[in-house]
Amino acid sequence: MKIHVVYDAKGEVIATGVPLPPAYDFSGPRSGPMALEEQHVGEMEVPSELAHLSLAELSERLQVDTKESPHRLKAKGS
């Protein structure tokens, strides 16, 4: 399962959301999490052992491994 993630340079998750469909029309108004200055955004795979959690729970229990390339999600403390 992939989610949309906004995170900072330290890998702290700021917001999560459902990824937009590939055919999404970007010319109109946008909604959902968007990155501000000094933040990053990406679509990332949720670790399988946490895929059953809600977006709110994922925001609290995940962080982004910014040392990996490409960046990836991992459980906090792992």
PDB file of N, CA and C in Angstrom:
ATOM      1  N   MET A   1       0.853  -1.173   0.000  1.00  0.00           N
ATOM      2  CA  MET A   1       0.000   0.000   0.000  1.00  0.00           C
ATOM      3  C   MET A   1       0.897   1.234   0.000  1.00  0.00           C
ATOM      4  N   LYS A   2       0.596   2.156  -0.901  1.00  0.00           N
ATOM      5  CA  LYS A   2       1.350   3.400  -0.957  1.00  0.00           C
ATOM      6  C   LYS A   2       0.519   4.536  -0.379  1.00  0.00           C
ATOM      7  N   ILE A   3       1.213   5.490   0.253  1.00  0.00           N
ATOM      8  CA  ILE A   3       0.553   6.688   0.759  1.00  0.00           C
ATOM      9  C   ILE A   3       1.357   7.910   0.325  1.00  0.00           C
ATOM     10  N   HIS A   4       0.695   9.048   0.346  1.00  0.00           N
ATOM     11  CA  HIS A   4       1.298  10.343   0.063  1.00  0.00           C
ATOM     12  C   HIS A   4       1.849  10.855   1.403  1.00  0.00           C
ATOM     13  N   VAL A   5       3.112  11.272   1.442  1.00  0.00           N
ATOM     14  CA  VAL A   5       3.749  11.665   2.704  1.00  0.00           C
ATOM     15  C   VAL A   5       4.409  13.037   2.559  1.00  0.00           C
ATOM     16  N   VAL A   6       4.163  13.910   3.530  1.00  0.00           N
ATOM     17  CA  VAL A   6       4.892  15.172   3.661  1.00  0.00           C
ATOM     18  C   VAL A   6       5.785  15.011   4.881  1.00  0.00           C
ATOM     19  N   TYR A   7       7.084  15.334   4.716  1.00  0.00           N
ATOM     20  CA  TYR A   7       8.036  15.119   5.810  1.00  0.00           C
ATOM     21  C   TYR A   7       9.120  16.187   5.782  1.00  0.00           C
ATOM     22  N   ASP A   8       9.823  16.319   6.927  1.00  0.00           N
ATOM     23  CA  ASP A   8      10.885  17.317   7.019  1.00  0.00           C
ATOM     24  C   ASP A   8      12.252  16.676   6.757  1.00  0.00           C
ATOM     25  N   ALA A   9      13.306  17.473   6.832  1.00  0.00           N
ATOM     26  CA  ALA A   9      14.660  17.010   6.518  1.00  0.00           C
ATOM     27  C   ALA A   9      15.146  15.917   7.471  1.00  0.00           C
ATOM     28  N   LYS A  10      14.582  15.856   8.675  1.00  0.00           N
ATOM     29  CA  LYS A  10      14.962  14.821   9.641  1.00  0.00           C
ATOM     30  C   LYS A  10      14.166  13.535   9.459  1.00  0.00           C
ATOM     31  N   GLY A  11      13.189  13.552   8.552  1.00  0.00           N
ATOM     32  CA  GLY A  11      12.376  12.370   8.314  1.00  0.00           C
ATOM     33  C   GLY A  11      11.100  12.305   9.132  1.00  0.00           C
ATOM     34  N   GLU A  12      10.797  13.358   9.879  1.00  0.00           N
ATOM     35  CA  GLU A  12       9.564  13.368  10.675  1.00  0.00           C
ATOM     36  C   GLU A  12       8.368  13.542   9.749  1.00  0.00           C
ATOM     37  N   VAL A  13       7.381  12.669   9.896  1.00  0.00           N
ATOM     38  CA  VAL A  13       6.181  12.739   9.076  1.00  0.00           C
ATOM     39  C   VAL A  13       5.302  13.876   9.579  1.00  0.00           C
ATOM     40  N   ILE A  14       4.936  14.769   8.673  1.00  0.00           N
ATOM     41  CA  ILE A  14       4.087  15.911   8.999  1.00  0.00           C
ATOM     42  C   ILE A  14       2.637  15.620   8.641  1.00  0.00           C
ATOM     43  N   ALA A  15       2.430  14.954   7.503  1.00  0.00           N
ATOM     44  CA  ALA A  15       1.071  14.646   7.055  1.00  0.00           C
ATOM     45  C   ALA A  15       1.105  13.432   6.128  1.00  0.00           C
ATOM     46  N   THR A  16      -0.010  12.726   6.093  1.00  0.00           N
ATOM     47  CA  THR A  16      -0.170  11.603   5.164  1.00  0.00           C
ATOM     48  C   THR A  16      -1.495  11.760   4.434  1.00  0.00           C
ATOM     49  N   GLY A  17      -1.597  11.140   3.299  1.00  0.00           N
ATOM     50  CA  GLY A  17      -2.832  11.199   2.526  1.00  0.00           C
ATOM     51  C   GLY A  17      -2.886  10.054   1.534  1.00  0.00           C
ATOM     52  N   VAL A  18      -4.009   9.935   0.881  1.00  0.00           N
ATOM     53  CA  VAL A  18      -4.208   8.919  -0.145  1.00  0.00           C
ATOM     54  C   VAL A  18      -3.582   9.432  -1.438  1.00  0.00           C
ATOM     55  N   PRO A  19      -2.798   8.606  -2.129  1.00  0.00           N
ATOM     56  CA  PRO A  19      -2.200   9.058  -3.386  1.00  0.00           C
ATOM     57  C   PRO A  19      -3.264   9.422  -4.421  1.00  0.00           C
ATOM     58  N   LEU A  20      -2.954  10.398  -5.254  1.00  0.00           N
ATOM     59  CA  LEU A  20      -3.869  10.792  -6.320  1.00  0.00           C
ATOM     60  C   LEU A  20      -3.810   9.765  -7.448  1.00  0.00           C
ATOM     61  N   PRO A  21      -4.929   9.548  -8.117  1.00  0.00           N
ATOM     62  CA  PRO A  21      -4.913   8.612  -9.239  1.00  0.00           C
ATOM     63  C   PRO A  21      -4.033   9.142 -10.375  1.00  0.00           C
ATOM     64  N   PRO A  22      -3.447   8.252 -11.176  1.00  0.00           N
ATOM     65  CA  PRO A  22      -2.555   8.686 -12.259  1.00  0.00           C
ATOM     66  C   PRO A  22      -3.197   9.653 -13.244  1.00  0.00           C
ATOM     67  N   ALA A  23      -4.501   9.558 -13.453  1.00  0.00           N
ATOM     68  CA  ALA A  23      -5.172  10.419 -14.426  1.00  0.00           C
ATOM     69  C   ALA A  23      -5.707  11.708 -13.798  1.00  0.00           C
ATOM     70  N   TYR A  24      -5.259  12.061 -12.591  1.00  0.00           N
ATOM     71  CA  TYR A  24      -5.758  13.259 -11.902  1.00  0.00           C
ATOM     72  C   TYR A  24      -5.463  14.512 -12.720  1.00  0.00           C
ATOM     73  N   ASP A  25      -6.439  15.399 -12.820  1.00  0.00           N
ATOM     74  CA  ASP A  25      -6.295  16.654 -13.564  1.00  0.00           C
ATOM     75  C   ASP A  25      -5.737  17.719 -12.614  1.00  0.00           C
ATOM     76  N   PHE A  26      -4.458  18.066 -12.771  1.00  0.00           N
ATOM     77  CA  PHE A  26      -3.804  19.017 -11.877  1.00  0.00           C
ATOM     78  C   PHE A  26      -4.098  20.470 -12.211  1.00  0.00           C
ATOM     79  N   SER A  27      -4.937  20.736 -13.213  1.00  0.00           N
ATOM     80  CA  SER A  27      -5.199  22.124 -13.598  1.00  0.00           C
ATOM     81  C   SER A  27      -6.203  22.808 -12.672  1.00  0.00           C
ATOM     82  N   GLY A  28      -6.954  22.041 -11.908  1.00  0.00           N
ATOM     83  CA  GLY A  28      -7.972  22.615 -11.031  1.00  0.00           C
ATOM     84  C   GLY A  28      -7.480  22.765  -9.603  1.00  0.00           C
ATOM     85  N   PRO A  29      -8.411  23.066  -8.684  1.00  0.00           N
ATOM     86  CA  PRO A  29      -8.042  23.210  -7.272  1.00  0.00           C
ATOM     87  C   PRO A  29      -7.468  21.908  -6.724  1.00  0.00           C
ATOM     88  N   ARG A  30      -6.558  22.031  -5.778  1.00  0.00           N
ATOM     89  CA  ARG A  30      -5.923  20.853  -5.179  1.00  0.00           C
ATOM     90  C   ARG A  30      -6.299  20.763  -3.715  1.00  0.00           C
ATOM     91  N   SER A  31      -6.370  19.546  -3.232  1.00  0.00           N
ATOM     92  CA  SER A  31      -6.628  19.332  -1.808  1.00  0.00           C
ATOM     93  C   SER A  31      -5.685  18.246  -1.325  1.00  0.00           C
ATOM     94  N   GLY A  32      -5.591  18.102  -0.020  1.00  0.00           N
ATOM     95  CA  GLY A  32      -4.713  17.094   0.548  1.00  0.00           C
ATOM     96  C   GLY A  32      -3.418  17.710   1.033  1.00  0.00           C
ATOM     97  N   PRO A  33      -2.548  16.894   1.617  1.00  0.00           N
ATOM     98  CA  PRO A  33      -1.303  17.405   2.174  1.00  0.00           C
ATOM     99  C   PRO A  33      -0.369  17.946   1.093  1.00  0.00           C
ATOM    100  N   MET A  34       0.174  19.120   1.350  1.00  0.00           N
ATOM    101  CA  MET A  34       1.125  19.740   0.432  1.00  0.00           C
ATOM    102  C   MET A  34       2.333  20.218   1.232  1.00  0.00           C
ATOM    103  N   ALA A  35       3.509  20.126   0.643  1.00  0.00           N
ATOM    104  CA  ALA A  35       4.743  20.515   1.327  1.00  0.00           C
ATOM    105  C   ALA A  35       4.919  22.029   1.318  1.00  0.00           C
ATOM    106  N   LEU A  36       5.409  22.539   2.428  1.00  0.00           N
ATOM    107  CA  LEU A  36       5.793  23.944   2.531  1.00  0.00           C
ATOM    108  C   LEU A  36       7.299  24.044   2.346  1.00  0.00           C
ATOM    109  N   GLU A  37       7.826  25.246   2.440  1.00  0.00           N
ATOM    110  CA  GLU A  37       9.272  25.439   2.329  1.00  0.00           C
ATOM    111  C   GLU A  37       9.986  24.583   3.376  1.00  0.00           C
ATOM    112  N   GLU A  38      11.108  23.999   3.011  1.00  0.00           N
ATOM    113  CA  GLU A  38      11.912  23.143   3.891  1.00  0.00           C
ATOM    114  C   GLU A  38      11.271  21.780   4.155  1.00  0.00           C
ATOM    115  N   GLN A  39      10.208  21.438   3.435  1.00  0.00           N
ATOM    116  CA  GLN A  39       9.566  20.138   3.580  1.00  0.00           C
ATOM    117  C   GLN A  39       9.668  19.377   2.262  1.00  0.00           C
ATOM    118  N   HIS A  40       9.451  18.085   2.336  1.00  0.00           N
ATOM    119  CA  HIS A  40       9.531  17.216   1.171  1.00  0.00           C
ATOM    120  C   HIS A  40       8.228  16.445   1.041  1.00  0.00           C
ATOM    121  N   VAL A  41       7.959  15.962  -0.153  1.00  0.00           N
ATOM    122  CA  VAL A  41       6.736  15.197  -0.388  1.00  0.00           C
ATOM    123  C   VAL A  41       7.074  14.005  -1.273  1.00  0.00           C
ATOM    124  N   GLY A  42       6.400  12.902  -1.032  1.00  0.00           N
ATOM    125  CA  GLY A  42       6.627  11.721  -1.848  1.00  0.00           C
ATOM    126  C   GLY A  42       5.517  10.706  -1.673  1.00  0.00           C
ATOM    127  N   GLU A  43       5.466   9.787  -2.608  1.00  0.00           N
ATOM    128  CA  GLU A  43       4.546   8.661  -2.518  1.00  0.00           C
ATOM    129  C   GLU A  43       5.394   7.450  -2.150  1.00  0.00           C
ATOM    130  N   MET A  44       5.095   6.844  -1.001  1.00  0.00           N
ATOM    131  CA  MET A  44       5.955   5.784  -0.470  1.00  0.00           C
ATOM    132  C   MET A  44       5.155   4.563  -0.042  1.00  0.00           C
ATOM    133  N   GLU A  45       5.832   3.435  -0.092  1.00  0.00           N
ATOM    134  CA  GLU A  45       5.243   2.155   0.311  1.00  0.00           C
ATOM    135  C   GLU A  45       5.236   2.052   1.838  1.00  0.00           C
ATOM    136  N   VAL A  46       4.090   1.671   2.404  1.00  0.00           N
ATOM    137  CA  VAL A  46       3.966   1.466   3.848  1.00  0.00           C
ATOM    138  C   VAL A  46       4.519   0.075   4.165  1.00  0.00           C
ATOM    139  N   PRO A  47       5.353  -0.048   5.219  1.00  0.00           N
ATOM    140  CA  PRO A  47       5.821  -1.382   5.606  1.00  0.00           C
ATOM    141  C   PRO A  47       4.624  -2.311   5.836  1.00  0.00           C
ATOM    142  N   SER A  48       4.708  -3.525   5.333  1.00  0.00           N
ATOM    143  CA  SER A  48       3.562  -4.448   5.356  1.00  0.00           C
ATOM    144  C   SER A  48       3.011  -4.686   6.762  1.00  0.00           C
ATOM    145  N   GLU A  49       3.871  -4.688   7.759  1.00  0.00           N
ATOM    146  CA  GLU A  49       3.395  -4.943   9.125  1.00  0.00           C
ATOM    147  C   GLU A  49       2.567  -3.792   9.692  1.00  0.00           C
ATOM    148  N   LEU A  50       2.569  -2.621   9.031  1.00  0.00           N
ATOM    149  CA  LEU A  50       1.792  -1.469   9.496  1.00  0.00           C
ATOM    150  C   LEU A  50       0.669  -1.085   8.537  1.00  0.00           C
ATOM    151  N   ALA A  51       0.476  -1.841   7.478  1.00  0.00           N
ATOM    152  CA  ALA A  51      -0.492  -1.493   6.438  1.00  0.00           C
ATOM    153  C   ALA A  51      -1.940  -1.500   6.928  1.00  0.00           C
ATOM    154  N   HIS A  52      -2.220  -2.126   8.038  1.00  0.00           N
ATOM    155  CA  HIS A  52      -3.586  -2.194   8.570  1.00  0.00           C
ATOM    156  C   HIS A  52      -3.987  -0.925   9.333  1.00  0.00           C
ATOM    157  N   LEU A  53      -3.040  -0.030   9.589  1.00  0.00           N
ATOM    158  CA  LEU A  53      -3.309   1.171  10.386  1.00  0.00           C
ATOM    159  C   LEU A  53      -3.978   2.263   9.551  1.00  0.00           C
ATOM    160  N   SER A  54      -4.684   3.175  10.241  1.00  0.00           N
ATOM    161  CA  SER A  54      -5.302   4.329   9.573  1.00  0.00           C
ATOM    162  C   SER A  54      -4.216   5.350   9.215  1.00  0.00           C
ATOM    163  N   LEU A  55      -4.551   6.318   8.380  1.00  0.00           N
ATOM    164  CA  LEU A  55      -3.585   7.369   8.022  1.00  0.00           C
ATOM    165  C   LEU A  55      -3.110   8.133   9.262  1.00  0.00           C
ATOM    166  N   ALA A  56      -4.013   8.407  10.185  1.00  0.00           N
ATOM    167  CA  ALA A  56      -3.632   9.127  11.410  1.00  0.00           C
ATOM    168  C   ALA A  56      -2.632   8.308  12.231  1.00  0.00           C
ATOM    169  N   GLU A  57      -2.885   7.010  12.352  1.00  0.00           N
ATOM    170  CA  GLU A  57      -1.961   6.147  13.094  1.00  0.00           C
ATOM    171  C   GLU A  57      -0.619   6.033  12.376  1.00  0.00           C
ATOM    172  N   LEU A  58      -0.647   5.956  11.047  1.00  0.00           N
ATOM    173  CA  LEU A  58       0.604   5.892  10.290  1.00  0.00           C
ATOM    174  C   LEU A  58       1.428   7.159  10.493  1.00  0.00           C
ATOM    175  N   SER A  59       0.764   8.315  10.530  1.00  0.00           N
ATOM    176  CA  SER A  59       1.477   9.580  10.747  1.00  0.00           C
ATOM    177  C   SER A  59       2.237   9.571  12.067  1.00  0.00           C
ATOM    178  N   GLU A  60       1.662   8.931  13.078  1.00  0.00           N
ATOM    179  CA  GLU A  60       2.282   8.882  14.402  1.00  0.00           C
ATOM    180  C   GLU A  60       3.367   7.814  14.504  1.00  0.00           C
ATOM    181  N   ARG A  61       3.253   6.726  13.754  1.00  0.00           N
ATOM    182  CA  ARG A  61       4.135   5.568  13.951  1.00  0.00           C
ATOM    183  C   ARG A  61       5.227   5.400  12.909  1.00  0.00           C
ATOM    184  N   LEU A  62       5.214   6.265  11.874  1.00  0.00           N
ATOM    185  CA  LEU A  62       6.209   6.150  10.815  1.00  0.00           C
ATOM    186  C   LEU A  62       7.159   7.333  10.779  1.00  0.00           C
ATOM    187  N   GLN A  63       8.316   7.101  10.215  1.00  0.00           N
ATOM    188  CA  GLN A  63       9.248   8.169   9.886  1.00  0.00           C
ATOM    189  C   GLN A  63       9.860   7.813   8.541  1.00  0.00           C
ATOM    190  N   VAL A  64      10.476   8.795   7.908  1.00  0.00           N
ATOM    191  CA  VAL A  64      11.086   8.581   6.605  1.00  0.00           C
ATOM    192  C   VAL A  64      12.584   8.390   6.792  1.00  0.00           C
ATOM    193  N   ASP A  65      13.101   7.321   6.224  1.00  0.00           N
ATOM    194  CA  ASP A  65      14.544   7.082   6.258  1.00  0.00           C
ATOM    195  C   ASP A  65      15.164   7.916   5.141  1.00  0.00           C
ATOM    196  N   THR A  66      15.712   9.064   5.515  1.00  0.00           N
ATOM    197  CA  THR A  66      16.279   9.999   4.527  1.00  0.00           C
ATOM    198  C   THR A  66      17.705   9.623   4.140  1.00  0.00           C
ATOM    199  N   LYS A  67      18.270   8.597   4.788  1.00  0.00           N
ATOM    200  CA  LYS A  67      19.622   8.143   4.439  1.00  0.00           C
ATOM    201  C   LYS A  67      19.581   7.180   3.256  1.00  0.00           C
ATOM    202  N   GLU A  68      18.419   6.564   3.037  1.00  0.00           N
ATOM    203  CA  GLU A  68      18.235   5.663   1.904  1.00  0.00           C
ATOM    204  C   GLU A  68      17.915   6.480   0.652  1.00  0.00           C
ATOM    205  N   SER A  69      18.285   5.958  -0.488  1.00  0.00           N
ATOM    206  CA  SER A  69      17.917   6.610  -1.742  1.00  0.00           C
ATOM    207  C   SER A  69      17.296   5.567  -2.653  1.00  0.00           C
ATOM    208  N   PRO A  70      16.041   5.689  -2.981  1.00  0.00           N
ATOM    209  CA  PRO A  70      15.143   6.783  -2.618  1.00  0.00           C
ATOM    210  C   PRO A  70      14.709   6.680  -1.155  1.00  0.00           C
ATOM    211  N   HIS A  71      14.199   7.798  -0.636  1.00  0.00           N
ATOM    212  CA  HIS A  71      13.713   7.807   0.744  1.00  0.00           C
ATOM    213  C   HIS A  71      12.620   6.761   0.885  1.00  0.00           C
ATOM    214  N   ARG A  72      12.524   6.164   2.092  1.00  0.00           N
ATOM    215  CA  ARG A  72      11.497   5.144   2.325  1.00  0.00           C
ATOM    216  C   ARG A  72      10.929   5.281   3.720  1.00  0.00           C
ATOM    217  N   LEU A  73       9.719   4.757   3.907  1.00  0.00           N
ATOM    218  CA  LEU A  73       9.077   4.766   5.208  1.00  0.00           C
ATOM    219  C   LEU A  73       9.577   3.607   6.059  1.00  0.00           C
ATOM    220  N   LYS A  74       9.672   3.865   7.365  1.00  0.00           N
ATOM    221  CA  LYS A  74      10.011   2.814   8.315  1.00  0.00           C
ATOM    222  C   LYS A  74       9.317   3.131   9.636  1.00  0.00           C
ATOM    223  N   ALA A  75       9.174   2.121  10.486  1.00  0.00           N
ATOM    224  CA  ALA A  75       8.578   2.323  11.805  1.00  0.00           C
ATOM    225  C   ALA A  75       9.537   3.165  12.640  1.00  0.00           C
ATOM    226  N   LYS A  76       8.989   4.072  13.444  1.00  0.00           N
ATOM    227  CA  LYS A  76       9.833   4.878  14.331  1.00  0.00           C
ATOM    228  C   LYS A  76      10.612   3.965  15.248  1.00  0.00           C
ATOM    229  N   GLY A  77      11.873   4.295  15.434  1.00  0.00           N
ATOM    230  CA  GLY A  77      12.715   3.529  16.332  1.00  0.00           C
ATOM    231  C   GLY A  77      13.361   2.317  15.707  1.00  0.00           C
ATOM    232  N   SER A  78      13.094   2.072  14.433  1.00  0.00           N
ATOM    233  CA  SER A  78      13.725   0.881  13.804  1.00  0.00           C
ATOM    234  C   SER A  78      14.918   1.286  12.960  1.00  0.00           C
TER     235      SER A  78
END
